[in-house]
Amino acid sequence: AHEFLPAANGYLLRQDWEEGFATAVHLVLDLDTGEYELLSAGHLPGMQRLSGAGRWEVQEAAEGPLLGIYDGAKFEGARGRLNRGDLLMLCTDGMVEVPGRDLSEGMDRLMGEADRLVAGALLQSGSRGAAVRLIETVAKDVNDDRAVLLLWRR
C-alpha cells in the first residue's frame, strides 16, 4: 500500500506529461477493525463524521507532494478508525473550490450538506445515490472535476 503513490509519481515523471502534475488520495482500510490510513499527494484531506459525537473531523495530517513534480517524493499518512456509524468522505477539489474563497469554507459547506442529505439517511437504512445527491446539491453547475466517495461503517 505504501508503494502506490511513489509508483504513481514515478509513472507520471516518465510520461513527460504536458499537464505536469496530478493529485491523488489513497485509502488503506481494514474492513474488520475499521482502522485506516489516508495518504495524500496534494489532495484535499479526508473528512470523517464521528457518529458518537455527531461532528466532523478533518484529517489534516494526510499531506504529501503533488504527483509528477519530483523524483523520490515521500508520502506520510494520517491514521484513524471508522467506528460503527461513522462516515468517511473523500472528494475532489471541484466539490469545494469557489473562486475568491478559502477551501475550508467549501469543505464546511460540503460537510454541512452531507449532514443534511446523507448522515440521517445512512442511519435509517443506508442510502443509494447519496453521493450523487450531494454532488447535485453542492456543485451542480461547477465546471471542474466533481467526485465524492462516501464510506459508511455499519
C-alpha atoms as a PDB file:
ATOM      1  CA  ALA A   1       0.000   0.000   0.000  1.00  0.00           C
ATOM      2  CA  HIS A   2       2.803   2.439   0.811  1.00  0.00           C
ATOM      3  CA  GLU A   3       4.387   1.897  -2.600  1.00  0.00           C
ATOM      4  CA  PHE A   4       1.301   3.038  -4.558  1.00  0.00           C
ATOM      5  CA  LEU A   5       1.787   6.827  -4.508  1.00  0.00           C
ATOM      6  CA  PRO A   6       5.571   6.650  -5.115  1.00  0.00           C
ATOM      7  CA  ALA A   7       4.877   4.313  -8.068  1.00  0.00           C
ATOM      8  CA  ALA A   8       2.208   6.687  -9.441  1.00  0.00           C
ATOM      9  CA  ASN A   9       4.670   9.572  -9.045  1.00  0.00           C
ATOM     10  CA  GLY A  10       7.357   7.677 -10.946  1.00  0.00           C
ATOM     11  CA  TYR A  11       4.895   6.797 -13.688  1.00  0.00           C
ATOM     12  CA  LEU A  12       3.911  10.436 -14.213  1.00  0.00           C
ATOM     13  CA  LEU A  13       7.527  11.557 -14.252  1.00  0.00           C
ATOM     14  CA  ARG A  14       8.265   9.044 -17.032  1.00  0.00           C
ATOM     15  CA  GLN A  15       5.332  10.282 -19.164  1.00  0.00           C
ATOM     16  CA  ASP A  16       6.694  13.788 -19.787  1.00  0.00           C
ATOM     17  CA  TRP A  17       3.066  14.860 -19.425  1.00  0.00           C
ATOM     18  CA  GLU A  18       2.068  18.373 -20.543  1.00  0.00           C
ATOM     19  CA  GLU A  19      -0.309  18.827 -17.624  1.00  0.00           C
ATOM     20  CA  GLY A  20       2.702  18.420 -15.388  1.00  0.00           C
ATOM     21  CA  PHE A  21       1.166  17.140 -12.168  1.00  0.00           C
ATOM     22  CA  ALA A  22      -1.746  15.304 -10.584  1.00  0.00           C
ATOM     23  CA  THR A  23      -3.283  14.912  -7.165  1.00  0.00           C
ATOM     24  CA  ALA A  24      -4.395  11.666  -5.582  1.00  0.00           C
ATOM     25  CA  VAL A  25      -5.681  10.240  -2.346  1.00  0.00           C
ATOM     26  CA  HIS A  26      -5.049   6.656  -1.251  1.00  0.00           C
ATOM     27  CA  LEU A  27      -7.037   4.904   1.469  1.00  0.00           C
ATOM     28  CA  VAL A  28      -5.836   1.732   3.172  1.00  0.00           C
ATOM     29  CA  LEU A  29      -8.731   0.294   5.187  1.00  0.00           C
ATOM     30  CA  ASP A  30      -9.013  -2.773   7.409  1.00  0.00           C
ATOM     31  CA  LEU A  31     -12.622  -3.847   6.884  1.00  0.00           C
ATOM     32  CA  ASP A  32     -12.690  -5.891  10.088  1.00  0.00           C
ATOM     33  CA  THR A  33     -11.432  -3.276  12.559  1.00  0.00           C
ATOM     34  CA  GLY A  34     -12.252  -0.028  10.740  1.00  0.00           C
ATOM     35  CA  GLU A  35      -8.665   1.165  11.156  1.00  0.00           C
ATOM     36  CA  TYR A  36      -7.398   3.148   8.194  1.00  0.00           C
ATOM     37  CA  GLU A  37      -4.531   5.141   6.850  1.00  0.00           C
ATOM     38  CA  LEU A  38      -5.141   8.001   4.452  1.00  0.00           C
ATOM     39  CA  LEU A  39      -2.260   9.071   2.219  1.00  0.00           C
ATOM     40  CA  SER A  40      -2.399  12.167   0.054  1.00  0.00           C
ATOM     41  CA  ALA A  41      -0.486  13.561  -2.906  1.00  0.00           C
ATOM     42  CA  GLY A  42      -1.537  17.207  -2.967  1.00  0.00           C
ATOM     43  CA  HIS A  43      -5.138  16.194  -2.418  1.00  0.00           C
ATOM     44  CA  LEU A  44      -7.797  17.527  -0.083  1.00  0.00           C
ATOM     45  CA  PRO A  45      -7.902  15.997   3.386  1.00  0.00           C
ATOM     46  CA  GLY A  46     -10.437  13.346   4.258  1.00  0.00           C
ATOM     47  CA  MET A  47     -13.431  14.248   6.392  1.00  0.00           C
ATOM     48  CA  GLN A  48     -14.807  11.861   8.989  1.00  0.00           C
ATOM     49  CA  ARG A  49     -18.187  12.219  10.674  1.00  0.00           C
ATOM     50  CA  LEU A  50     -17.965  10.763  14.154  1.00  0.00           C
ATOM     51  CA  SER A  51     -21.367   9.220  14.812  1.00  0.00           C
ATOM     52  CA  GLY A  52     -20.962   9.120  18.577  1.00  0.00           C
ATOM     53  CA  ALA A  53     -20.100  12.826  18.774  1.00  0.00           C
ATOM     54  CA  GLY A  54     -22.279  13.952  15.854  1.00  0.00           C
ATOM     55  CA  ARG A  55     -19.488  16.128  14.457  1.00  0.00           C
ATOM     56  CA  TRP A  56     -16.951  16.171  11.633  1.00  0.00           C
ATOM     57  CA  GLU A  57     -13.193  15.773  11.956  1.00  0.00           C
ATOM     58  CA  VAL A  58     -10.853  16.803   9.122  1.00  0.00           C
ATOM     59  CA  GLN A  59      -7.808  14.554   8.582  1.00  0.00           C
ATOM     60  CA  GLU A  60      -5.331  17.408   8.026  1.00  0.00           C
ATOM     61  CA  ALA A  61      -2.293  15.236   8.745  1.00  0.00           C
ATOM     62  CA  ALA A  62      -2.571  13.364   5.431  1.00  0.00           C
ATOM     63  CA  GLU A  63      -0.380  15.563   3.260  1.00  0.00           C
ATOM     64  CA  GLY A  64       2.096  14.871   0.510  1.00  0.00           C
ATOM     65  CA  PRO A  65       3.552  16.494  -2.586  1.00  0.00           C
ATOM     66  CA  LEU A  66       1.804  16.629  -5.951  1.00  0.00           C
ATOM     67  CA  LEU A  67       2.453  13.667  -8.242  1.00  0.00           C
ATOM     68  CA  GLY A  68       4.774  14.202 -11.193  1.00  0.00           C
ATOM     69  CA  ILE A  69       6.784  17.097  -9.745  1.00  0.00           C
ATOM     70  CA  TYR A  70       9.961  15.486  -8.428  1.00  0.00           C
ATOM     71  CA  ASP A  71      11.539  12.071  -8.036  1.00  0.00           C
ATOM     72  CA  GLY A  72      11.777  10.470  -4.608  1.00  0.00           C
ATOM     73  CA  ALA A  73       8.681  12.128  -3.150  1.00  0.00           C
ATOM     74  CA  LYS A  74       7.639  10.823   0.285  1.00  0.00           C
ATOM     75  CA  PHE A  75       4.045  10.420   1.406  1.00  0.00           C
ATOM     76  CA  GLU A  76       3.046  10.340   5.070  1.00  0.00           C
ATOM     77  CA  GLY A  77      -0.348   9.073   6.097  1.00  0.00           C
ATOM     78  CA  ALA A  78      -2.918  10.035   8.676  1.00  0.00           C
ATOM     79  CA  ARG A  79      -4.242   7.165  10.743  1.00  0.00           C
ATOM     80  CA  GLY A  80      -7.754   6.872  12.038  1.00  0.00           C
ATOM     81  CA  ARG A  81     -10.541   4.474  12.800  1.00  0.00           C
ATOM     82  CA  LEU A  82     -14.061   4.217  11.464  1.00  0.00           C
ATOM     83  CA  ASN A  83     -16.295   3.181  14.319  1.00  0.00           C
ATOM     84  CA  ARG A  84     -19.783   1.825  13.758  1.00  0.00           C
ATOM     85  CA  GLY A  85     -21.952   4.570  12.268  1.00  0.00           C
ATOM     86  CA  ASP A  86     -19.001   6.751  11.232  1.00  0.00           C
ATOM     87  CA  LEU A  87     -18.828   8.190   7.731  1.00  0.00           C
ATOM     88  CA  LEU A  88     -15.611   8.903   5.824  1.00  0.00           C
ATOM     89  CA  MET A  89     -15.873  11.357   2.930  1.00  0.00           C
ATOM     90  CA  LEU A  90     -13.254  11.930   0.250  1.00  0.00           C
ATOM     91  CA  CYS A  91     -13.809  14.402  -2.564  1.00  0.00           C
ATOM     92  CA  THR A  92     -12.189  16.212  -5.459  1.00  0.00           C
ATOM     93  CA  ASP A  93     -11.410  19.917  -5.277  1.00  0.00           C
ATOM     94  CA  GLY A  94     -14.268  20.705  -7.665  1.00  0.00           C
ATOM     95  CA  MET A  95     -16.628  19.953  -4.785  1.00  0.00           C
ATOM     96  CA  VAL A  96     -15.241  22.672  -2.513  1.00  0.00           C
ATOM     97  CA  GLU A  97     -13.380  25.272  -4.573  1.00  0.00           C
ATOM     98  CA  VAL A  98     -15.067  28.617  -5.054  1.00  0.00           C
ATOM     99  CA  PRO A  99     -13.052  31.453  -6.650  1.00  0.00           C
ATOM    100  CA  GLY A 100     -12.061  34.015  -4.055  1.00  0.00           C
ATOM    101  CA  ARG A 101     -12.901  31.796  -1.078  1.00  0.00           C
ATOM    102  CA  ASP A 102     -10.786  29.651   1.197  1.00  0.00           C
ATOM    103  CA  LEU A 103     -11.022  25.875   0.688  1.00  0.00           C
ATOM    104  CA  SER A 104     -12.042  25.444   4.317  1.00  0.00           C
ATOM    105  CA  GLU A 105     -15.272  27.382   3.626  1.00  0.00           C
ATOM    106  CA  GLY A 106     -16.134  24.979   0.815  1.00  0.00           C
ATOM    107  CA  MET A 107     -15.291  21.989   2.985  1.00  0.00           C
ATOM    108  CA  ASP A 108     -17.523  23.341   5.767  1.00  0.00           C
ATOM    109  CA  ARG A 109     -20.382  23.726   3.306  1.00  0.00           C
ATOM    110  CA  LEU A 110     -19.846  20.205   1.980  1.00  0.00           C
ATOM    111  CA  MET A 111     -19.811  18.705   5.483  1.00  0.00           C
ATOM    112  CA  GLY A 112     -22.967  20.624   6.399  1.00  0.00           C
ATOM    113  CA  GLU A 113     -24.805  19.402   3.311  1.00  0.00           C
ATOM    114  CA  ALA A 114     -23.539  15.872   3.924  1.00  0.00           C
ATOM    115  CA  ASP A 115     -25.048  16.046   7.406  1.00  0.00           C
ATOM    116  CA  ARG A 116     -28.351  17.214   5.992  1.00  0.00           C
ATOM    117  CA  LEU A 117     -28.567  14.890   2.965  1.00  0.00           C
ATOM    118  CA  VAL A 118     -26.541  11.853   3.836  1.00  0.00           C
ATOM    119  CA  ALA A 119     -25.890  11.220   7.502  1.00  0.00           C
ATOM    120  CA  GLY A 120     -29.549  10.937   8.528  1.00  0.00           C
ATOM    121  CA  ALA A 121     -30.424   8.672   5.600  1.00  0.00           C
ATOM    122  CA  LEU A 122     -27.479   6.380   6.304  1.00  0.00           C
ATOM    123  CA  LEU A 123     -28.518   5.980   9.906  1.00  0.00           C
ATOM    124  CA  GLN A 124     -32.014   4.980   8.816  1.00  0.00           C
ATOM    125  CA  SER A 125     -31.370   2.331   6.182  1.00  0.00           C
ATOM    126  CA  GLY A 126     -28.348   3.057   4.038  1.00  0.00           C
ATOM    127  CA  SER A 127     -28.706   5.429   1.140  1.00  0.00           C
ATOM    128  CA  ARG A 128     -28.210   4.582  -2.501  1.00  0.00           C
ATOM    129  CA  GLY A 129     -27.331   7.567  -4.635  1.00  0.00           C
ATOM    130  CA  ALA A 130     -26.330   9.734  -1.674  1.00  0.00           C
ATOM    131  CA  ALA A 131     -23.067  10.838  -3.325  1.00  0.00           C
ATOM    132  CA  VAL A 132     -24.904  11.892  -6.493  1.00  0.00           C
ATOM    133  CA  ARG A 133     -27.422  13.892  -4.466  1.00  0.00           C
ATOM    134  CA  LEU A 134     -24.563  15.544  -2.582  1.00  0.00           C
ATOM    135  CA  ILE A 135     -22.788  16.495  -5.825  1.00  0.00           C
ATOM    136  CA  GLU A 136     -26.004  17.913  -7.287  1.00  0.00           C
ATOM    137  CA  THR A 137     -26.643  19.972  -4.159  1.00  0.00           C
ATOM    138  CA  VAL A 138     -23.144  21.334  -3.545  1.00  0.00           C
ATOM    139  CA  ALA A 139     -21.588  21.568  -7.015  1.00  0.00           C
ATOM    140  CA  LYS A 140     -24.339  21.207  -9.607  1.00  0.00           C
ATOM    141  CA  ASP A 141     -23.098  23.832 -12.082  1.00  0.00           C
ATOM    142  CA  VAL A 142     -19.374  23.572 -11.378  1.00  0.00           C
ATOM    143  CA  ASN A 143     -17.158  23.252 -14.448  1.00  0.00           C
ATOM    144  CA  ASP A 144     -14.490  21.149 -12.717  1.00  0.00           C
ATOM    145  CA  ASP A 145     -13.978  17.593 -11.573  1.00  0.00           C
ATOM    146  CA  ARG A 146     -16.721  16.618  -9.137  1.00  0.00           C
ATOM    147  CA  ALA A 147     -16.480  13.353  -7.291  1.00  0.00           C
ATOM    148  CA  VAL A 148     -17.346  12.192  -3.777  1.00  0.00           C
ATOM    149  CA  LEU A 149     -16.659   8.904  -2.052  1.00  0.00           C
ATOM    150  CA  LEU A 150     -18.805   8.181   0.985  1.00  0.00           C
ATOM    151  CA  LEU A 151     -17.725   5.258   3.113  1.00  0.00           C
ATOM    152  CA  TRP A 152     -20.034   4.320   5.957  1.00  0.00           C
ATOM    153  CA  ARG A 153     -19.358   1.636   8.524  1.00  0.00           C
ATOM    154  CA  ARG A 154     -22.441  -0.176   9.797  1.00  0.00           C
END
